[in-house]
Amino acid sequence: MIQVRVLRDGREVSDAAVADLAAIRAQPGTLVWVDVASPTHDELATLGREFDIHEVALEDLEVGERQRPKIEQYQDQVVLVFYAALPESGGQPTRLVEVDLVAGQNYLLTFHGGSPVDPDPVARRVKARPELASEGAGYLLYVALDELVDTFFPALDAIGERLVEVEEAVLAGDVDVQGDILVIRKDLIGVRRVIGPMRDAMVVLLRRDLGLFSNEAQRYLQDVYDHLIRLAESVEDYQEVLAGTLDANATMASNRVNTVARNLAAYAAIFAVVTMISGIYGMNFHHMPELGWRFGYAWAVGLMVLCAGGLWVYFKRKGWL
C-alpha cells in the first residue's frame, strides 16, 4: 500500500497520485513523502522509475531481507536501512522491523513490512516546523529516523524490567531462571547487532558531504546519532548486568550442589558407623565379647544409636545438616 503526503511551505496539501509526483516535486517549496507498506514488485518498479532509484538500491528495498543496517550514496539520493523495535509482549522476544529509507533533495520514501512508525505523528512534527520543512527533505529524514530510533527506548526498558525480575529471583535463591536469562541475552544480542551498524551509518551520513541536506538539518540528524550512542551504552550496561546475573545464578546453583553433597556425605558417615557396628556384631565367631551376654543386643543397638546421634550433632554444628 502506497501513501503519499505532499507538504508545501510546511503545510500538507491534498493527496497526490504517484504519476503526478514528478510535476509536484518540480514546484518550489514542495516536500514529498511516500510511505509504502509491504510493497509489491510492481510498486517498487513504479517508484523506481518515478524517483530514478538505482537497480541495486531497488534490490535492497525488498522487505523481509533482514539486511544489516547501512547507508549507500547514489548520485542525488541516499538509501538507508534502519530498524524499529517493538517491545516484547506475552513472553515473546523483542521484534525488530526493517525500515528502508530513500532520501533526495525534496523527497523521502519509506518502505517497511508493517507499521513500525505511525505516519501521522511524523507529519505533525514536520508541519510544526514549516521553516525547516521548506529547506528540503533533511528535516523530514531526521523526524523519520528519530521516530524509528525512539522505538528502542521502550523496548530496552521492557528488557531492563525483565532483567530486574530475573536478578531478584536469583538473589532470592531461585536457580531455575537460566532459560529466562538466555532469552534476555538473545534479545540484547539482537538489539546490539542493529544498534551498532545504525550508529555507524549515522556517522557516514553526518561526516560525508552529500550536498542534499542543509546545515540546520545536519544539526538535527546529529541528535539521532546522540540517541543511538545512548542506546548502545544502555545495551552494554544491560549485558554487563546480565553477565553478573548469570555468574550469580551459576554460583547459587553450585552452592546448592555443594550443600546437597555435604548432606549426603554427612548421612553416609552416620550410616557407615552404624553399618560397621552391625557388621562387627553380625560376624559368626565363637569367641567374641558380648556374644553370649544377656544384654549384648541392647548394647549393640545402644552403641549404634549413640554413635549415630553423636555424629548427627557434630555435623549439625558444622552446618552440614
Protein backbone atom coordinates (compact mmCIF):
# COMPACT_ATOMS: atom_id res chain seq x y z
CA MET A 1 0.00 0.00 0.00
CA ILE A 2 1.35 3.41 -1.03
CA GLN A 3 0.51 6.56 0.94
CA VAL A 4 1.62 9.88 -0.49
CA ARG A 5 1.86 13.10 1.54
CA VAL A 6 2.74 16.41 -0.08
CA LEU A 7 3.91 19.36 2.04
CA ARG A 8 4.24 22.83 0.63
CA ASP A 9 5.79 25.52 2.81
CA GLY A 10 5.22 23.28 5.82
CA ARG A 11 1.52 22.73 5.11
CA GLU A 12 0.04 19.47 3.89
CA VAL A 13 -1.83 19.70 0.60
CA SER A 14 -4.29 17.27 -0.92
CA ASP A 15 -3.21 13.73 -1.68
CA ALA A 16 -1.49 13.14 -4.98
CA ALA A 17 -1.10 10.19 -7.30
CA VAL A 18 2.26 8.59 -7.87
CA ALA A 19 2.10 9.50 -11.56
CA ASP A 20 1.87 13.23 -10.66
CA LEU A 21 4.83 13.28 -8.28
CA ALA A 22 7.37 14.32 -10.92
CA ALA A 23 5.45 17.54 -11.63
CA ILE A 24 4.77 18.15 -7.94
CA ARG A 25 8.42 17.76 -6.98
CA ALA A 26 9.38 20.36 -9.56
CA GLN A 27 7.38 23.01 -7.71
CA PRO A 28 9.49 25.13 -5.34
CA GLY A 29 8.98 24.70 -1.61
CA THR A 30 7.39 21.28 -2.05
CA LEU A 31 8.28 18.26 0.03
CA VAL A 32 7.07 14.76 -0.87
CA TRP A 33 6.86 11.81 1.50
CA VAL A 34 5.87 8.40 0.17
CA ASP A 35 5.23 5.67 2.76
CA VAL A 36 4.99 2.14 1.36
CA ALA A 37 3.80 -0.80 3.46
CA SER A 38 4.58 -4.31 2.18
CA PRO A 39 5.49 -3.13 -1.33
CA THR A 40 4.89 -5.40 -4.28
CA HIS A 41 7.34 -5.87 -7.12
CA ASP A 42 5.24 -3.66 -9.40
CA GLU A 43 5.04 -0.88 -6.81
CA LEU A 44 8.80 -0.94 -6.36
CA ALA A 45 9.30 -0.80 -10.10
CA THR A 46 6.91 2.16 -10.42
CA LEU A 47 8.57 4.13 -7.64
CA GLY A 48 11.98 3.21 -9.02
CA ARG A 49 11.12 4.80 -12.35
CA GLU A 50 9.43 7.80 -10.75
CA PHE A 51 12.32 8.65 -8.41
CA ASP A 52 15.14 7.26 -10.57
CA ILE A 53 16.22 4.73 -7.92
CA HIS A 54 19.24 2.64 -8.85
CA GLU A 55 18.52 -1.03 -9.57
CA VAL A 56 20.94 -2.11 -6.84
CA ALA A 57 19.03 0.03 -4.35
CA LEU A 58 15.73 -1.48 -5.53
CA GLU A 59 17.03 -4.93 -4.61
CA ASP A 60 17.79 -3.65 -1.11
CA LEU A 61 14.26 -2.33 -0.76
CA GLU A 62 12.76 -5.81 -0.79
CA VAL A 63 11.10 -6.03 2.65
CA GLY A 64 11.89 -9.08 4.75
CA GLU A 65 15.51 -9.49 3.75
CA ARG A 66 16.78 -8.80 7.31
CA GLN A 67 19.62 -6.72 5.98
CA ARG A 68 22.36 -5.25 8.09
CA PRO A 69 21.75 -1.53 8.81
CA LYS A 70 23.74 0.56 6.35
CA ILE A 71 23.83 3.68 4.20
CA GLU A 72 24.53 3.86 0.48
CA GLN A 73 25.02 7.02 -1.54
CA TYR A 74 23.98 7.40 -5.14
CA GLN A 75 24.11 10.38 -7.48
CA ASP A 76 21.40 12.52 -5.90
CA GLN A 77 19.97 10.36 -3.13
CA VAL A 78 20.90 8.18 -0.17
CA VAL A 79 19.48 4.80 0.79
CA LEU A 80 19.40 3.83 4.46
CA VAL A 81 18.48 0.53 6.06
CA PHE A 82 17.26 1.12 9.61
CA TYR A 83 15.24 -0.77 12.18
CA ALA A 84 12.41 -0.15 14.60
CA ALA A 85 11.92 -2.19 17.79
CA LEU A 86 8.59 -3.46 19.01
CA PRO A 87 8.68 -4.29 22.77
CA GLU A 88 8.06 -7.88 23.83
CA SER A 89 4.59 -8.83 24.96
CA GLY A 90 3.16 -12.03 26.33
CA GLY A 91 6.57 -13.58 26.80
CA GLN A 92 7.54 -13.04 23.18
CA PRO A 93 11.03 -11.65 22.39
CA THR A 94 11.63 -8.12 21.14
CA ARG A 95 10.71 -7.85 17.45
CA LEU A 96 12.92 -5.88 15.10
CA VAL A 97 11.29 -4.43 11.98
CA GLU A 98 13.36 -3.38 9.00
CA VAL A 99 12.60 0.05 7.52
CA ASP A 100 14.30 1.20 4.31
CA LEU A 101 14.52 4.90 3.51
CA VAL A 102 15.38 6.70 0.28
CA ALA A 103 16.04 10.43 0.67
CA GLY A 104 16.64 13.01 -2.01
CA GLN A 105 16.69 16.78 -2.21
CA ASN A 106 12.98 17.26 -1.56
CA TYR A 107 11.53 13.79 -1.07
CA LEU A 108 11.61 10.83 1.28
CA LEU A 109 10.47 7.28 0.62
CA THR A 110 9.98 4.78 3.45
CA PHE A 111 9.48 1.05 2.90
CA HIS A 112 8.50 -1.44 5.60
CA GLY A 113 6.56 -4.63 6.10
CA GLY A 114 4.11 -3.31 8.66
CA SER A 115 3.56 -0.18 10.70
CA PRO A 116 6.65 0.33 12.85
CA VAL A 117 6.13 4.09 12.85
CA ASP A 118 2.82 5.92 12.79
CA PRO A 119 2.98 8.37 9.86
CA ASP A 120 0.62 10.88 11.46
CA PRO A 121 2.98 11.98 14.30
CA VAL A 122 5.78 12.31 11.75
CA ALA A 123 3.65 14.56 9.57
CA ARG A 124 2.59 16.64 12.58
CA ARG A 125 6.19 17.20 13.64
CA VAL A 126 7.18 18.28 10.15
CA LYS A 127 4.20 20.62 9.80
CA ALA A 128 5.04 22.14 13.19
CA ARG A 129 8.37 23.40 11.80
CA PRO A 130 7.49 24.85 8.37
CA GLU A 131 10.70 26.89 8.26
CA LEU A 132 12.72 23.66 8.40
CA ALA A 133 10.43 21.61 6.21
CA SER A 134 10.76 24.17 3.42
CA GLU A 135 14.55 23.64 3.29
CA GLY A 136 14.31 20.13 1.84
CA ALA A 137 13.98 16.53 2.94
CA GLY A 138 16.69 16.72 5.61
CA TYR A 139 14.34 17.59 8.46
CA LEU A 140 11.78 15.03 7.27
CA LEU A 141 14.51 12.39 7.24
CA TYR A 142 15.50 13.42 10.76
CA VAL A 143 11.93 13.08 12.06
CA ALA A 144 11.51 9.64 10.47
CA LEU A 145 14.84 8.38 11.84
CA ASP A 146 14.11 9.90 15.24
CA GLU A 147 10.76 8.08 15.40
CA LEU A 148 12.47 4.80 14.48
CA VAL A 149 15.28 5.17 17.00
CA ASP A 150 12.91 6.21 19.78
CA THR A 151 11.10 2.86 19.50
CA PHE A 152 14.19 1.22 21.00
CA PHE A 153 13.87 3.05 24.33
CA PRO A 154 10.62 1.36 25.50
CA ALA A 155 11.92 -1.93 24.12
CA LEU A 156 15.08 -1.65 26.22
CA ASP A 157 13.03 -0.53 29.22
CA ALA A 158 10.99 -3.74 28.91
CA ILE A 159 14.19 -5.78 28.73
CA GLY A 160 15.51 -3.92 31.78
CA GLU A 161 12.37 -4.76 33.77
CA ARG A 162 12.71 -8.44 32.87
CA LEU A 163 16.37 -8.30 33.87
CA VAL A 164 15.49 -6.84 37.29
CA GLU A 165 12.91 -9.58 37.86
CA VAL A 166 15.43 -12.29 36.97
CA GLU A 167 18.08 -10.69 39.17
CA GLU A 168 15.71 -10.57 42.14
CA ALA A 169 14.75 -14.21 41.56
CA VAL A 170 18.42 -15.25 41.57
CA LEU A 171 19.10 -13.34 44.78
CA ALA A 172 16.04 -14.99 46.34
CA GLY A 173 17.62 -18.38 45.68
CA ASP A 174 15.63 -19.39 42.59
CA VAL A 175 18.18 -21.04 40.30
CA ASP A 176 15.62 -22.22 37.73
CA VAL A 177 15.78 -18.97 35.75
CA GLN A 178 18.62 -19.78 33.38
CA GLY A 179 16.17 -20.10 30.48
CA ASP A 180 14.87 -16.57 31.15
CA ILE A 181 18.44 -15.27 31.32
CA LEU A 182 19.28 -16.80 27.94
CA VAL A 183 16.14 -15.29 26.35
CA ILE A 184 17.11 -11.82 27.60
CA ARG A 185 20.65 -12.39 26.37
CA LYS A 186 19.33 -13.27 22.91
CA ASP A 187 17.21 -10.09 22.87
CA LEU A 188 20.18 -7.92 23.80
CA ILE A 189 22.37 -9.51 21.15
CA GLY A 190 19.69 -8.87 18.52
CA VAL A 191 19.35 -5.22 19.53
CA ARG A 192 23.12 -4.75 19.65
CA ARG A 193 23.51 -6.16 16.14
CA VAL A 194 21.33 -3.41 14.70
CA ILE A 195 22.21 -0.51 17.02
CA GLY A 196 25.93 -0.63 16.21
CA PRO A 197 25.56 -0.55 12.40
CA MET A 198 22.83 2.11 12.65
CA ARG A 199 25.24 4.28 14.64
CA ASP A 200 27.95 3.72 12.03
CA ALA A 201 25.51 4.65 9.25
CA MET A 202 24.71 7.92 11.02
CA VAL A 203 28.44 8.68 11.28
CA VAL A 204 28.71 8.32 7.50
CA LEU A 205 25.59 10.44 6.96
CA LEU A 206 26.94 13.23 9.17
CA ARG A 207 30.53 13.25 8.02
CA ARG A 208 30.13 12.67 4.31
CA ASP A 209 29.38 15.81 2.30
CA LEU A 210 26.29 14.62 0.46
CA GLY A 211 25.10 18.05 -0.61
CA LEU A 212 21.47 17.01 -0.07
CA PHE A 213 20.63 18.50 3.32
CA SER A 214 21.05 21.94 4.85
CA ASN A 215 23.36 22.67 7.77
CA GLU A 216 20.36 23.05 10.06
CA ALA A 217 19.06 19.63 9.06
CA GLN A 218 22.52 18.16 9.74
CA ARG A 219 22.34 19.52 13.29
CA TYR A 220 19.05 17.71 13.84
CA LEU A 221 20.47 14.49 12.40
CA GLN A 222 23.24 14.77 14.99
CA ASP A 223 20.54 14.36 17.64
CA VAL A 224 19.64 10.95 16.16
CA TYR A 225 23.28 9.94 16.43
CA ASP A 226 23.32 11.00 20.09
CA HIS A 227 20.28 8.83 20.78
CA LEU A 228 21.99 5.86 19.16
CA ILE A 229 25.03 6.42 21.39
CA ARG A 230 22.78 6.32 24.46
CA LEU A 231 21.11 3.13 23.24
CA ALA A 232 24.46 1.45 22.59
CA GLU A 233 25.64 2.35 26.10
CA SER A 234 22.40 1.04 27.61
CA VAL A 235 22.79 -2.27 25.78
CA GLU A 236 26.37 -2.59 27.05
CA ASP A 237 25.24 -1.83 30.62
CA TYR A 238 22.45 -4.41 30.42
CA GLN A 239 24.84 -7.02 29.05
CA GLU A 240 27.23 -6.43 31.96
CA VAL A 241 24.38 -6.76 34.46
CA LEU A 242 23.18 -9.88 32.66
CA ALA A 243 26.66 -11.41 32.78
CA GLY A 244 26.81 -10.75 36.53
CA THR A 245 23.36 -12.26 36.99
CA LEU A 246 24.37 -15.34 35.01
CA ASP A 247 27.50 -15.73 37.15
CA ALA A 248 25.46 -15.29 40.33
CA ASN A 249 22.98 -17.90 39.12
CA ALA A 250 25.82 -20.31 38.39
CA THR A 251 27.28 -19.65 41.83
CA MET A 252 23.93 -20.23 43.54
CA ALA A 253 23.47 -23.48 41.65
CA SER A 254 26.98 -24.57 42.59
CA ASN A 255 26.33 -23.75 46.23
CA ARG A 256 23.14 -25.78 46.15
CA VAL A 257 25.02 -28.76 44.71
CA ASN A 258 27.70 -28.39 47.40
CA THR A 259 25.02 -28.28 50.12
CA VAL A 260 23.42 -31.45 48.81
CA ALA A 261 26.83 -33.11 48.58
CA ARG A 262 27.62 -32.18 52.21
CA ASN A 263 24.26 -33.54 53.37
CA LEU A 264 24.83 -36.82 51.57
CA ALA A 265 28.39 -37.10 52.91
CA ALA A 266 27.21 -36.49 56.48
CA TYR A 267 24.45 -39.09 56.30
CA ALA A 268 26.81 -41.51 54.59
CA ALA A 269 29.26 -41.12 57.50
CA ILE A 270 26.47 -41.71 60.04
CA PHE A 271 25.22 -44.84 58.35
CA ALA A 272 28.79 -46.05 57.78
CA VAL A 273 29.35 -46.16 61.56
CA VAL A 274 26.02 -47.94 62.12
CA THR A 275 26.87 -50.40 59.36
CA MET A 276 30.32 -51.03 60.83
CA ILE A 277 28.91 -51.82 64.30
CA SER A 278 26.16 -54.05 62.94
CA GLY A 279 28.71 -55.78 60.72
CA ILE A 280 31.03 -56.49 63.60
CA TYR A 281 28.31 -57.98 65.76
CA GLY A 282 27.00 -59.93 62.82
CA MET A 283 30.22 -61.95 62.39
CA ASN A 284 29.88 -65.63 63.24
CA PHE A 285 32.85 -66.12 65.56
CA HIS A 286 32.53 -68.30 68.65
CA HIS A 287 34.93 -66.33 70.79
CA MET A 288 33.54 -62.75 70.56
CA PRO A 289 32.99 -60.40 73.52
CA GLU A 290 29.34 -59.84 74.41
CA LEU A 291 28.27 -62.64 72.05
CA GLY A 292 26.76 -64.69 74.84
CA TRP A 293 25.98 -61.70 77.03
CA ARG A 294 22.34 -61.30 78.04
CA PHE A 295 22.38 -57.57 77.29
CA GLY A 296 24.54 -57.86 74.13
CA TYR A 297 21.71 -56.94 71.74
CA ALA A 298 20.72 -53.86 73.75
CA TRP A 299 24.38 -52.90 73.98
CA ALA A 300 24.89 -53.13 70.21
CA VAL A 301 21.72 -51.17 69.39
CA GLY A 302 22.53 -48.55 72.02
CA LEU A 303 26.05 -48.19 70.69
CA MET A 304 24.73 -47.63 67.17
CA VAL A 305 22.20 -45.03 68.37
CA LEU A 306 24.83 -43.28 70.45
CA CYS A 307 27.40 -43.10 67.64
CA ALA A 308 24.80 -42.03 65.04
CA GLY A 309 23.40 -39.35 67.38
CA GLY A 310 26.86 -38.05 68.19
CA LEU A 311 27.78 -37.77 64.52
CA TRP A 312 24.43 -36.07 63.73
CA VAL A 313 25.06 -33.43 66.43
CA TYR A 314 28.63 -32.93 65.18
CA PHE A 315 27.60 -32.40 61.52
CA LYS A 316 24.67 -30.20 62.59
CA ARG A 317 27.01 -27.83 64.42
CA LYS A 318 29.30 -27.68 61.39
CA GLY A 319 26.34 -26.70 59.20
CA TRP A 320 26.40 -29.84 57.06
CA LEU A 321 22.88 -30.85 58.03
